[in-house]
Protein backbone atom coordinates (compact mmCIF):
# COMPACT_ATOMS: atom_id res chain seq x y z
CA MET A 1 -56.25 -69.64 45.81
CA VAL A 2 -55.68 -66.12 46.48
CA GLY A 3 -52.27 -67.01 47.99
CA ILE A 4 -51.28 -69.08 44.82
CA VAL A 5 -52.21 -66.27 42.12
CA LEU A 6 -50.17 -63.66 44.72
CA LEU A 7 -47.27 -65.96 44.54
CA VAL A 8 -47.42 -66.23 40.81
CA MET A 9 -47.64 -62.31 40.18
CA PHE A 10 -44.97 -61.79 42.84
CA PHE A 11 -42.61 -64.46 40.68
CA THR A 12 -43.59 -63.13 37.40
CA THR A 13 -42.63 -59.81 38.35
CA LEU A 14 -39.63 -60.75 39.89
CA MET A 15 -38.77 -62.78 36.71
CA PHE A 16 -39.08 -59.57 34.58
CA HIS A 17 -37.30 -57.26 37.06
CA LEU A 18 -34.45 -59.73 36.74
CA GLY A 19 -34.58 -60.01 32.86
CA PHE A 20 -35.17 -63.59 32.72
CA PRO A 21 -37.82 -63.51 29.89
CA GLU A 22 -35.38 -61.80 27.61
CA ALA A 23 -32.44 -64.37 28.17
CA ILE A 24 -35.08 -67.12 27.34
CA ALA A 25 -36.46 -64.86 24.41
CA LYS A 26 -32.40 -64.61 23.12
CA ILE A 27 -31.84 -68.49 23.50
CA VAL A 28 -35.40 -69.18 21.61
CA LEU A 29 -34.61 -66.84 19.12
CA LYS A 30 -31.18 -68.78 18.65
CA ILE A 31 -32.70 -72.14 18.26
CA ALA A 32 -35.56 -70.85 16.12
CA LYS A 33 -33.01 -70.07 13.41
CA CYS A 34 -32.25 -73.38 12.99
CA PRO A 35 -34.25 -76.04 11.67
CA LYS A 36 -32.45 -79.05 12.83
CA CYS A 37 -32.62 -77.33 16.27
CA VAL A 38 -36.34 -76.85 16.14
CA THR A 39 -36.94 -79.89 15.01
CA PHE A 40 -34.99 -81.63 17.63
CA TRP A 41 -36.77 -79.77 20.47
CA VAL A 42 -40.19 -80.28 19.01
CA VAL A 43 -39.56 -83.91 18.39
CA LEU A 44 -38.03 -84.39 22.07
CA ILE A 45 -41.16 -82.44 23.61
CA THR A 46 -43.80 -84.62 21.70
CA THR A 47 -42.22 -87.86 22.10
CA LEU A 48 -42.05 -87.16 26.01
CA TRP A 49 -45.51 -86.00 26.20
CA LEU A 50 -46.53 -89.30 24.39
CA LYS A 51 -44.74 -91.16 26.96
CA CYS A 52 -42.03 -92.62 25.16
CA GLU A 53 -38.98 -93.58 27.39
CA TRP A 54 -36.41 -90.68 27.49
CA TRP A 55 -33.45 -92.68 25.53
CA VAL A 56 -36.07 -93.46 22.87
CA SER A 57 -37.17 -89.71 22.75
CA ILE A 58 -33.35 -88.42 22.85
CA GLY A 59 -32.45 -90.89 19.96
CA LEU A 60 -35.60 -90.21 17.79
CA SER A 61 -34.80 -86.16 18.13
CA PHE A 62 -31.42 -86.83 17.10
CA LEU A 63 -32.34 -88.80 13.97
CA MET A 64 -35.37 -86.47 13.08
CA GLY A 65 -33.11 -83.47 13.46
CA TYR A 66 -30.54 -85.07 10.98
CA CYS A 67 -33.26 -85.85 8.75
CA SER A 68 -34.69 -82.29 8.72
CA LEU A 69 -31.10 -81.36 7.31
CA TRP A 70 -31.65 -83.43 4.49
CA LEU A 71 -35.24 -82.33 3.80
CA SER A 72 -34.32 -78.57 4.06
CA LEU A 73 -31.81 -79.35 1.25
CA VAL A 74 -34.58 -81.12 -0.85
CA PHE A 75 -36.74 -78.04 -0.12
CA ALA A 76 -34.09 -75.74 -1.38
CA LEU A 77 -33.51 -77.57 -4.19
CA LEU A 78 -37.44 -77.65 -5.42
CA THR A 79 -37.40 -73.75 -4.60
CA ASN A 80 -34.32 -73.38 -7.15
CA ILE A 81 -36.48 -75.44 -9.57
CA TYR A 82 -39.44 -73.50 -8.91
CA ASN A 83 -37.57 -70.13 -9.59
CA GLN A 84 -36.16 -71.19 -12.58
CA LEU A 85 -39.34 -72.21 -14.00
CA TRP A 86 -40.97 -69.03 -13.15
CA GLU A 87 -38.38 -67.00 -14.51
CA LYS A 88 -38.88 -68.99 -17.88
CA LEU A 89 -42.51 -68.64 -17.74
CA ASN A 90 -42.07 -64.50 -17.07
CA ASN A 91 -39.32 -64.14 -19.91
CA LYS A 92 -41.52 -65.83 -22.56
CA ASN A 93 -44.45 -63.47 -22.18
């Protein structure tokens, strides 16, 4: 047990020394800015965790990523409608 803990500590420190966590953070931040990308990866990980076959997981991930684009457009439209109604209500007062 002590040997495993020492190895984990050693490799974690080495990863930080080499800048590995910063490189991962840059990639994750790029992915996090895109709803399609986040949806793709979350669906992929979830379906694999639920023990779906890999080809089904990939197919569903692409399909849900595409659907998230349309859902984002619907949310943007609803936000626009809400903002217009809010302005009308505030202008009447």
